[in-house]
Amino acid sequence: EPEDGTGDKGESAGPVDLDHIPTADELLELAWRYHDQFWRLLSVEEQWMVERMTQRIWHREDLTPTREDVAQAATAAAAIAAPGASREIPVVLAARAVIAMPELPLAVNNFGAILRLLGELRDSVTALLSARELEPQSPMILTNLANSVYELGDSYAAESLYNKALVTTGDFGPALTGLGNIYMERKDY
């Protein structure tokens, strides 16, 4: 169960407020919370690896990270999370990318998607709402948000988000798959 006691890990907890725009401070607090929680779970070797992978974006006074460096860390987090090899490393990498550059849509999107993979659906929605605010027409962000909302049990809000993703890109496979799942569940063939 999530530390905040919401009990939303996988089950519906009522409708999702898709109009709420998390503040930059809320997003950073979320990223730091997951960073610190999962950093403690890494072995010394894994911490060393994360430090090496994020040395160009992580806290140094003489450092101004570039969008490319932050995007590289965010992409590495998503790539490592995809096969499910490690639970902890992708969370820390994605959180560090958001902390380094919370205005980068790719970083915020990937952090939200990784939180969804962890089953932290409400926090995933918070991050993905921040990402949508940064890039409202991104089919990937809209689809990731729809996936989390759908898993929280709001298929109508998810359907609307998938359709918005398809308005931008009419043949975006992940959005089409999500819509297909909804229509199959409703027996709307």
Protein backbone atom coordinates (compact mmCIF):
# COMPACT_ATOMS: atom_id res chain seq x y z
CA GLU A 1 0.00 0.00 0.00
CA PRO A 2 1.31 3.51 -0.77
CA GLU A 3 2.97 5.35 2.10
CA ASP A 4 0.36 8.09 1.98
CA GLY A 5 -2.32 5.61 3.02
CA THR A 6 -4.60 6.23 0.05
CA GLY A 7 -4.88 2.51 -0.62
CA ASP A 8 -5.09 3.17 -4.38
CA LYS A 9 -2.55 0.55 -5.35
CA GLY A 10 -4.44 -0.98 -8.23
CA GLU A 11 -8.03 -0.42 -7.15
CA SER A 12 -10.45 2.36 -7.89
CA ALA A 13 -10.80 5.09 -5.33
CA GLY A 14 -13.43 7.21 -7.03
CA PRO A 15 -13.19 9.60 -9.95
CA VAL A 16 -9.94 11.22 -10.95
CA ASP A 17 -9.76 15.02 -11.10
CA LEU A 18 -8.24 15.58 -14.54
CA ASP A 19 -8.58 19.35 -14.19
CA HIS A 20 -6.17 19.56 -11.26
CA ILE A 21 -2.81 20.93 -12.35
CA PRO A 22 -0.13 19.91 -9.86
CA THR A 23 2.24 22.71 -8.93
CA ALA A 24 5.95 22.47 -9.65
CA ASP A 25 6.48 22.05 -5.91
CA GLU A 26 4.01 19.13 -5.77
CA LEU A 27 5.80 17.44 -8.67
CA LEU A 28 9.22 17.94 -7.10
CA GLU A 29 7.99 16.68 -3.71
CA LEU A 30 6.67 13.56 -5.43
CA ALA A 31 9.95 13.00 -7.30
CA TRP A 32 12.03 13.48 -4.15
CA ARG A 33 9.78 11.13 -2.15
CA TYR A 34 10.22 8.31 -4.67
CA HIS A 35 13.91 9.10 -5.17
CA ASP A 36 14.68 8.85 -1.48
CA GLN A 37 12.46 5.81 -0.87
CA PHE A 38 13.99 3.80 -3.74
CA TRP A 39 17.57 5.09 -3.35
CA ARG A 40 17.70 3.36 0.04
CA LEU A 41 16.78 0.06 -1.64
CA LEU A 42 19.68 0.12 -4.11
CA SER A 43 22.81 -1.88 -3.48
CA VAL A 44 26.12 -0.01 -3.34
CA GLU A 45 26.86 -1.23 -6.89
CA GLU A 46 23.48 -0.02 -8.14
CA GLN A 47 23.97 3.36 -6.45
CA TRP A 48 27.35 3.67 -8.14
CA MET A 49 25.76 2.84 -11.51
CA VAL A 50 23.01 5.44 -11.01
CA GLU A 51 25.60 8.04 -10.00
CA ARG A 52 27.57 7.33 -13.18
CA MET A 53 24.44 7.51 -15.35
CA THR A 54 23.30 10.80 -13.82
CA GLN A 55 26.62 12.56 -13.23
CA ARG A 56 25.81 15.14 -15.94
CA ILE A 57 22.45 16.07 -14.43
CA TRP A 58 22.73 15.49 -10.69
CA HIS A 59 23.37 18.11 -7.99
CA ARG A 60 26.61 19.98 -8.44
CA GLU A 61 26.87 23.71 -7.99
CA ASP A 62 28.82 24.21 -11.22
CA LEU A 63 26.30 22.20 -13.25
CA THR A 64 23.50 23.29 -15.53
CA PRO A 65 22.07 20.12 -17.08
CA THR A 66 21.16 20.14 -20.77
CA ARG A 67 17.83 18.93 -22.10
CA GLU A 68 19.71 16.17 -23.93
CA ASP A 69 21.40 14.91 -20.76
CA VAL A 70 18.13 14.90 -18.81
CA ALA A 71 16.28 13.25 -21.71
CA GLN A 72 18.99 10.58 -21.84
CA ALA A 73 18.50 9.78 -18.13
CA ALA A 74 14.70 9.72 -18.52
CA THR A 75 14.96 7.44 -21.55
CA ALA A 76 17.36 5.12 -19.72
CA ALA A 77 14.86 4.89 -16.86
CA ALA A 78 12.09 3.86 -19.25
CA ALA A 79 14.32 1.38 -21.05
CA ILE A 80 15.40 -0.28 -17.82
CA ALA A 81 11.81 -0.37 -16.50
CA ALA A 82 10.35 -1.93 -19.63
CA PRO A 83 11.73 -5.45 -19.23
CA GLY A 84 11.11 -5.30 -15.50
CA ALA A 85 14.71 -6.18 -14.69
CA SER A 86 14.98 -3.68 -11.87
CA ARG A 87 12.27 -1.94 -9.91
CA GLU A 88 14.46 0.51 -8.05
CA ILE A 89 16.95 1.85 -10.61
CA PRO A 90 14.34 3.18 -13.08
CA VAL A 91 12.47 4.99 -10.30
CA VAL A 92 15.62 6.73 -9.08
CA LEU A 93 16.73 7.62 -12.62
CA ALA A 94 13.30 8.97 -13.56
CA ALA A 95 13.00 10.93 -10.31
CA ARG A 96 16.45 12.44 -10.82
CA ALA A 97 15.50 13.50 -14.35
CA VAL A 98 12.38 15.26 -13.03
CA ILE A 99 14.31 16.90 -10.18
CA ALA A 100 16.97 18.11 -12.61
CA MET A 101 14.48 19.47 -15.15
CA PRO A 102 10.81 19.42 -14.09
CA GLU A 103 9.89 21.42 -17.20
CA LEU A 104 10.97 18.63 -19.59
CA PRO A 105 7.83 16.76 -20.74
CA LEU A 106 9.72 13.54 -21.56
CA ALA A 107 11.19 13.34 -18.06
CA VAL A 108 7.85 13.96 -16.33
CA ASN A 109 6.01 11.55 -18.66
CA ASN A 110 8.50 8.73 -18.09
CA PHE A 111 8.38 9.26 -14.31
CA GLY A 112 4.58 9.01 -14.41
CA ALA A 113 4.69 5.90 -16.60
CA ILE A 114 7.15 4.21 -14.24
CA LEU A 115 4.96 5.02 -11.23
CA ARG A 116 2.08 3.32 -13.07
CA LEU A 117 4.22 0.21 -13.58
CA LEU A 118 4.80 0.20 -9.80
CA GLY A 119 1.05 0.31 -9.24
CA GLU A 120 1.25 3.81 -7.76
CA LEU A 121 -1.69 4.96 -9.87
CA ARG A 122 -2.70 8.18 -8.07
CA ASP A 123 0.90 9.41 -8.02
CA SER A 124 1.23 8.38 -11.66
CA VAL A 125 -1.79 10.54 -12.51
CA THR A 126 -0.28 13.48 -10.61
CA ALA A 127 2.96 13.24 -12.59
CA LEU A 128 1.17 12.72 -15.91
CA LEU A 129 -1.14 15.70 -15.30
CA SER A 130 2.04 17.75 -14.87
CA ALA A 131 3.40 16.30 -18.12
CA ARG A 132 0.14 17.08 -19.94
CA GLU A 133 0.34 20.68 -18.74
CA LEU A 134 3.83 20.90 -20.28
CA GLU A 135 2.82 19.28 -23.60
CA PRO A 136 -1.00 19.11 -23.91
CA GLN A 137 -1.10 17.52 -27.38
CA SER A 138 1.43 14.73 -26.80
CA PRO A 139 -0.22 11.43 -27.75
CA MET A 140 2.20 9.52 -25.50
CA ILE A 141 1.45 11.66 -22.45
CA LEU A 142 -2.31 11.52 -23.10
CA THR A 143 -2.15 7.75 -23.56
CA ASN A 144 -0.07 7.18 -20.43
CA LEU A 145 -2.51 9.35 -18.48
CA ALA A 146 -5.43 7.40 -19.97
CA ASN A 147 -3.77 4.10 -18.98
CA SER A 148 -3.45 5.19 -15.35
CA VAL A 149 -6.99 6.61 -15.23
CA TYR A 150 -8.32 3.39 -16.78
CA GLU A 151 -6.52 1.27 -14.20
CA LEU A 152 -8.09 3.44 -11.49
CA GLY A 153 -11.46 2.40 -12.90
CA ASP A 154 -12.60 5.47 -14.85
CA SER A 155 -13.04 4.03 -18.35
CA TYR A 156 -15.01 7.05 -19.60
CA ALA A 157 -12.28 9.53 -18.71
CA ALA A 158 -9.72 7.14 -20.18
CA GLU A 159 -11.74 6.85 -23.39
CA SER A 160 -11.81 10.63 -23.72
CA LEU A 161 -8.03 10.84 -23.22
CA TYR A 162 -7.34 8.07 -25.75
CA ASN A 163 -9.54 9.91 -28.26
CA LYS A 164 -7.64 13.17 -27.62
CA ALA A 165 -4.40 11.30 -28.31
CA LEU A 166 -5.87 10.03 -31.59
CA VAL A 167 -6.97 13.53 -32.65
CA THR A 168 -3.29 14.48 -32.63
CA THR A 169 -2.03 11.25 -34.21
CA GLY A 170 -4.84 9.21 -35.80
CA ASP A 171 -2.99 5.92 -35.77
CA PHE A 172 -1.17 5.99 -32.43
CA GLY A 173 -1.04 2.29 -31.59
CA PRO A 174 -0.99 2.49 -27.79
CA ALA A 175 -4.08 4.74 -27.78
CA LEU A 176 -5.87 2.45 -30.23
CA THR A 177 -5.03 -0.54 -28.02
CA GLY A 178 -6.36 1.25 -24.95
CA LEU A 179 -9.60 2.14 -26.73
CA GLY A 180 -9.91 -1.42 -27.97
CA ASN A 181 -9.58 -2.72 -24.41
CA ILE A 182 -12.32 -0.39 -23.23
CA TYR A 183 -14.68 -1.34 -26.06
CA MET A 184 -14.01 -5.06 -25.50
CA GLU A 185 -14.72 -4.66 -21.77
CA ARG A 186 -18.02 -2.94 -22.64
CA LYS A 187 -18.77 -5.56 -25.32
CA ASP A 188 -19.01 -2.69 -27.81
CA TYR A 189 -17.64 -4.41 -30.90
